[in-house]
Protein backbone atom coordinates (compact mmCIF):
# COMPACT_ATOMS: atom_id res chain seq x y z
CA UNK A 1 349.88 -106.37 49.51
CA UNK A 2 351.12 -104.73 46.33
CA UNK A 3 349.78 -105.63 42.92
CA UNK A 4 352.04 -107.55 40.52
CA UNK A 5 349.56 -108.35 37.71
CA UNK A 6 346.46 -106.55 36.50
CA UNK A 7 344.12 -107.37 33.63
CA UNK A 8 341.61 -104.76 32.53
CA UNK A 9 338.77 -105.87 30.23
CA UNK A 10 340.95 -108.43 28.47
CA UNK A 11 339.30 -110.27 25.56
CA UNK A 12 340.55 -112.86 23.10
CA UNK A 13 338.74 -114.45 20.18
CA UNK A 14 339.65 -117.10 17.65
CA UNK A 15 337.91 -116.80 14.27
CA UNK A 16 334.78 -115.41 15.88
CA UNK A 17 334.84 -117.71 18.92
CA UNK A 18 335.04 -115.58 22.07
CA UNK A 19 337.53 -117.40 24.33
CA UNK A 20 337.92 -114.55 26.86
CA UNK A 21 335.30 -111.90 27.54
CA UNK A 22 336.37 -108.65 29.20
CA UNK A 23 338.27 -110.31 32.04
CA UNK A 24 339.32 -107.91 34.79
CA UNK A 25 341.39 -109.31 37.65
CA UNK A 26 344.40 -108.45 39.82
CA UNK A 27 347.03 -110.63 41.47
CA UNK A 28 349.03 -109.36 44.43
CA UNK A 29 352.63 -110.23 45.23
CA UNK A 30 352.91 -113.38 47.32
CA UNK A 31 349.44 -114.71 46.53
CA UNK A 32 348.64 -118.26 45.45
CA UNK A 33 345.60 -117.91 43.20
CA UNK A 34 343.65 -120.94 42.03
CA UNK A 35 342.20 -120.54 38.53
CA UNK A 36 339.35 -123.01 38.15
CA UNK A 37 336.42 -123.69 35.85
CA UNK A 38 335.05 -126.31 33.47
CA UNK A 39 336.98 -127.57 30.45
CA UNK A 40 336.89 -124.95 27.71
CA UNK A 41 336.30 -122.10 30.16
CA UNK A 42 339.34 -120.16 28.91
CA UNK A 43 341.83 -120.87 31.69
CA UNK A 44 344.83 -121.86 29.55
CA UNK A 45 343.88 -119.18 26.99
CA UNK A 46 344.07 -116.62 29.79
CA UNK A 47 347.59 -117.76 30.74
CA UNK A 48 348.63 -117.81 27.06
CA UNK A 49 347.29 -114.28 26.61
CA UNK A 50 349.18 -112.95 29.62
CA UNK A 51 352.42 -114.66 28.55
CA UNK A 52 352.27 -113.46 24.95
CA UNK A 53 351.44 -116.75 23.22
CA UNK A 54 348.04 -115.53 22.00
CA UNK A 55 347.95 -111.72 22.38
CA UNK A 56 344.77 -110.04 23.61
CA UNK A 57 342.38 -108.62 21.02
CA UNK A 58 341.23 -106.00 23.53
CA UNK A 59 342.06 -104.78 27.01
CA UNK A 60 345.27 -104.00 28.88
CA UNK A 61 347.63 -106.25 30.83
CA UNK A 62 350.19 -104.79 33.22
CA UNK A 63 352.88 -106.77 35.03
CA UNK A 64 355.10 -105.31 37.74
CA UNK A 65 354.03 -101.83 36.63
CA UNK A 66 354.76 -102.38 32.91
CA UNK A 67 352.28 -102.69 30.04
CA UNK A 68 352.86 -106.18 28.61
CA UNK A 69 349.71 -106.41 26.48
CA UNK A 70 351.61 -106.81 23.21
CA UNK A 71 354.91 -108.30 24.36
CA UNK A 72 356.39 -111.42 22.77
CA UNK A 73 356.83 -114.60 24.82
CA UNK A 74 360.58 -114.11 25.31
CA UNK A 75 360.07 -110.49 26.39
CA UNK A 76 357.51 -111.48 29.01
CA UNK A 77 359.79 -114.28 30.22
CA UNK A 78 362.68 -111.89 30.70
CA UNK A 79 360.49 -109.67 32.87
CA UNK A 80 359.82 -112.59 35.24
CA UNK A 81 356.73 -114.35 33.86
CA UNK A 82 357.15 -118.11 33.79
CA UNK A 83 354.80 -121.02 33.27
CA UNK A 84 354.48 -124.78 33.02
CA UNK A 85 352.48 -126.48 30.29
CA UNK A 86 349.59 -128.88 30.78
CA UNK A 87 351.03 -131.24 28.14
CA UNK A 88 354.73 -131.58 28.96
CA UNK A 89 357.01 -131.70 25.94
CA UNK A 90 360.65 -131.61 27.01
CA UNK A 91 363.47 -131.90 24.49
CA UNK A 92 363.52 -135.69 24.56
CA UNK A 93 367.07 -136.03 23.24
CA UNK A 94 368.42 -133.57 25.82
CA UNK A 95 369.34 -134.62 29.33
CA UNK A 96 367.17 -133.38 32.17
CA UNK A 97 370.02 -131.03 33.07
CA UNK A 98 370.21 -129.46 29.62
CA UNK A 99 366.43 -129.09 29.39
CA UNK A 100 366.55 -126.90 32.51
CA UNK A 101 369.71 -125.08 31.37
CA UNK A 102 368.00 -124.25 28.05
CA UNK A 103 365.14 -122.58 29.94
CA UNK A 104 367.63 -120.51 31.92
CA UNK A 105 369.39 -119.37 28.74
CA UNK A 106 366.06 -118.50 27.10
CA UNK A 107 365.09 -116.08 29.85
CA UNK A 108 368.61 -114.80 30.62
CA UNK A 109 370.42 -114.64 27.25
CA UNK A 110 373.63 -113.20 28.68
CA UNK A 111 374.20 -116.20 30.94
CA UNK A 112 376.95 -118.71 30.14
CA UNK A 113 376.18 -122.36 29.51
CA UNK A 114 378.33 -123.31 32.49
CA UNK A 115 376.43 -121.12 34.95
CA UNK A 116 373.08 -122.17 33.41
CA UNK A 117 373.97 -125.81 34.04
CA UNK A 118 375.03 -125.03 37.62
CA UNK A 119 371.67 -123.34 38.21
CA UNK A 120 369.92 -126.26 36.55
CA UNK A 121 371.42 -128.72 39.04
CA UNK A 122 370.04 -126.62 41.91
CA UNK A 123 366.53 -126.63 40.43
CA UNK A 124 366.66 -130.36 39.66
CA UNK A 125 367.67 -131.03 43.25
CA UNK A 126 364.76 -128.93 44.50
CA UNK A 127 362.22 -130.98 42.52
CA UNK A 128 363.90 -134.27 43.44
CA UNK A 129 365.48 -135.06 40.07
CA UNK A 130 369.16 -134.65 40.92
CA UNK A 131 369.73 -138.38 40.33
CA UNK A 132 368.21 -138.06 36.83
CA UNK A 133 370.23 -134.99 35.80
CA UNK A 134 372.20 -136.82 33.11
CA UNK A 135 369.32 -138.99 31.96
CA UNK A 136 367.59 -138.17 28.65
CA UNK A 137 364.20 -136.53 29.18
CA UNK A 138 362.57 -139.10 26.91
CA UNK A 139 363.25 -141.84 29.48
CA UNK A 140 361.58 -140.07 32.41
CA UNK A 141 358.21 -141.13 33.82
CA UNK A 142 355.24 -138.75 33.53
CA UNK A 143 355.63 -137.70 37.18
CA UNK A 144 359.32 -136.98 36.59
CA UNK A 145 358.58 -135.02 33.41
CA UNK A 146 356.07 -132.93 35.37
CA UNK A 147 358.77 -132.14 37.92
CA UNK A 148 361.22 -131.41 35.10
CA UNK A 149 358.68 -128.95 33.71
CA UNK A 150 358.59 -127.21 37.08
CA UNK A 151 362.40 -127.08 37.26
CA UNK A 152 362.46 -125.49 33.79
CA UNK A 153 359.96 -122.85 34.89
CA UNK A 154 362.00 -122.08 38.02
CA UNK A 155 365.18 -121.71 35.96
CA UNK A 156 363.55 -118.67 34.36
CA UNK A 157 363.72 -116.86 37.72
CA UNK A 158 359.98 -116.10 37.91
CA UNK A 159 358.38 -113.30 39.83
CA UNK A 160 355.06 -114.80 38.83
CA UNK A 161 354.69 -118.51 38.08
CA UNK A 162 351.73 -120.06 36.24
CA UNK A 163 351.16 -123.75 36.92
CA UNK A 164 348.92 -125.40 34.34
CA UNK A 165 347.48 -128.64 35.75
CA UNK A 166 350.75 -129.87 37.26
CA UNK A 167 348.88 -132.72 38.96
CA UNK A 168 347.08 -134.09 35.91
CA UNK A 169 347.79 -137.79 35.45
CA UNK A 170 349.58 -138.21 38.78
CA UNK A 171 348.72 -140.70 41.51
CA UNK A 172 347.89 -139.59 45.06
CA UNK A 173 351.47 -139.90 46.35
CA UNK A 174 352.79 -137.87 43.40
CA UNK A 175 350.08 -135.23 43.92
CA UNK A 176 351.08 -134.95 47.57
CA UNK A 177 354.72 -134.48 46.58
CA UNK A 178 353.79 -131.82 44.01
CA UNK A 179 351.62 -130.02 46.58
CA UNK A 180 354.56 -129.90 49.01
CA UNK A 181 356.72 -128.31 46.30
CA UNK A 182 354.04 -125.67 45.64
CA UNK A 183 353.89 -124.82 49.36
CA UNK A 184 357.69 -124.44 49.38
CA UNK A 185 357.63 -122.15 46.34
CA UNK A 186 354.92 -119.99 47.89
CA UNK A 187 356.94 -119.75 51.11
CA UNK A 188 359.94 -118.57 49.08
CA UNK A 189 357.95 -115.52 47.92
CA UNK A 190 357.09 -116.52 44.35
CA UNK A 191 353.61 -115.41 43.33
CA UNK A 192 351.65 -118.35 41.88
CA UNK A 193 348.58 -118.70 39.70
CA UNK A 194 347.59 -122.32 39.28
CA UNK A 195 345.06 -123.97 36.97
CA UNK A 196 343.88 -127.02 38.84
CA UNK A 197 340.91 -129.41 38.74
CA UNK A 198 341.67 -131.17 42.02
CA UNK A 199 339.72 -129.07 44.50
CA UNK A 200 341.48 -130.75 47.43
CA UNK A 201 344.75 -129.26 46.14
CA UNK A 202 343.19 -125.87 45.41
CA UNK A 203 341.77 -125.58 48.92
CA UNK A 204 345.04 -126.82 50.44
CA UNK A 205 347.38 -124.30 48.82
CA UNK A 206 345.43 -121.35 47.40
CA UNK A 207 344.84 -118.09 49.24
CA UNK A 208 342.26 -117.03 46.65
CA UNK A 209 340.19 -118.60 43.88
CA UNK A 210 339.13 -117.11 40.55
CA UNK A 211 336.57 -118.91 38.41
CA UNK A 212 336.17 -118.73 34.64
CA UNK A 213 333.12 -119.93 32.72
CA UNK A 214 332.61 -119.42 28.97
CA UNK A 215 335.53 -116.99 28.96
CA UNK A 216 334.07 -114.79 31.70
CA UNK A 217 335.19 -114.29 35.28
CA UNK A 218 332.19 -115.37 37.35
CA UNK A 219 333.75 -115.37 40.84
CA UNK A 220 336.89 -114.16 42.58
CA UNK A 221 337.51 -114.29 46.31
CA UNK A 222 338.33 -116.29 49.41
CA UNK A 223 338.16 -120.07 48.83
CA UNK A 224 335.48 -120.63 51.49
CA UNK A 225 333.24 -118.04 49.81
CA UNK A 226 333.86 -119.08 46.21
CA UNK A 227 333.00 -122.76 46.73
CA UNK A 228 329.58 -121.71 48.12
CA UNK A 229 328.87 -119.25 45.29
CA UNK A 230 325.71 -120.46 43.49
CA UNK A 231 327.08 -119.47 40.06
CA UNK A 232 330.24 -121.53 40.69
CA UNK A 233 328.24 -124.49 42.00
CA UNK A 234 326.01 -124.44 38.91
CA UNK A 235 328.80 -123.92 36.37
CA UNK A 236 331.49 -126.16 37.82
CA UNK A 237 331.38 -127.74 41.27
CA UNK A 238 327.91 -129.28 41.25
CA UNK A 239 325.38 -129.61 44.04
CA UNK A 240 326.90 -132.78 45.50
CA UNK A 241 330.25 -131.06 46.03
CA UNK A 242 328.57 -128.02 47.56
CA UNK A 243 326.59 -130.18 49.97
CA UNK A 244 329.66 -132.19 51.03
CA UNK A 245 331.55 -128.99 51.74
CA UNK A 246 328.73 -126.90 53.21
CA UNK A 247 330.45 -126.86 56.59
CA UNK A 248 333.72 -125.35 55.33
CA UNK A 249 334.84 -121.95 56.57
């Protein structure tokens, strides 16, 4: 496997609060990496730092062989970095179609509105929203807005896709549908890093798990090994989870 993303001693602080502490990690092409840890561990901050929302205070980030440590959000997007947001905020007055088309135009500024809309229809069909294409985003259910968020991310033609709690707030049937979509994306060759609290989903789709705690990487490896790691059990999973899953692997 060849490396697509590498972080070397990446740190980020906010007014003296250390949100990330010398994080060093690599992601290889074609991997599905689960990024887990307790609330406040630094997971979303890590994604924001990679994507240029909150630039690193120290360390180096390389993506597809290029140093992206200090790139702006739009520059990172145009290189093939795409992400969903934990709190979905589509343009409510736009149709679902134009929300997705706007994402395509953001990452590919030379594209025409006509071709962006054609692409948008393809992505909406993939996530099961073709029937809602001309509906305003404000009228969509939470589950539909989550799928719209995914369609927007796909319209940016990602080489690496970050999924930030795409299953939060969904019922079991909706989670199952979302998990199927993630499997399909992984099969298509898109590299995925997903922040997820549902361990059933993580163990179902991820080829590797990385664990953050207090801004530090405390574990990184095969799922069956990580869920038995004492540091991970203490910081996040808990003894009851570890005992229930002691037979895994």
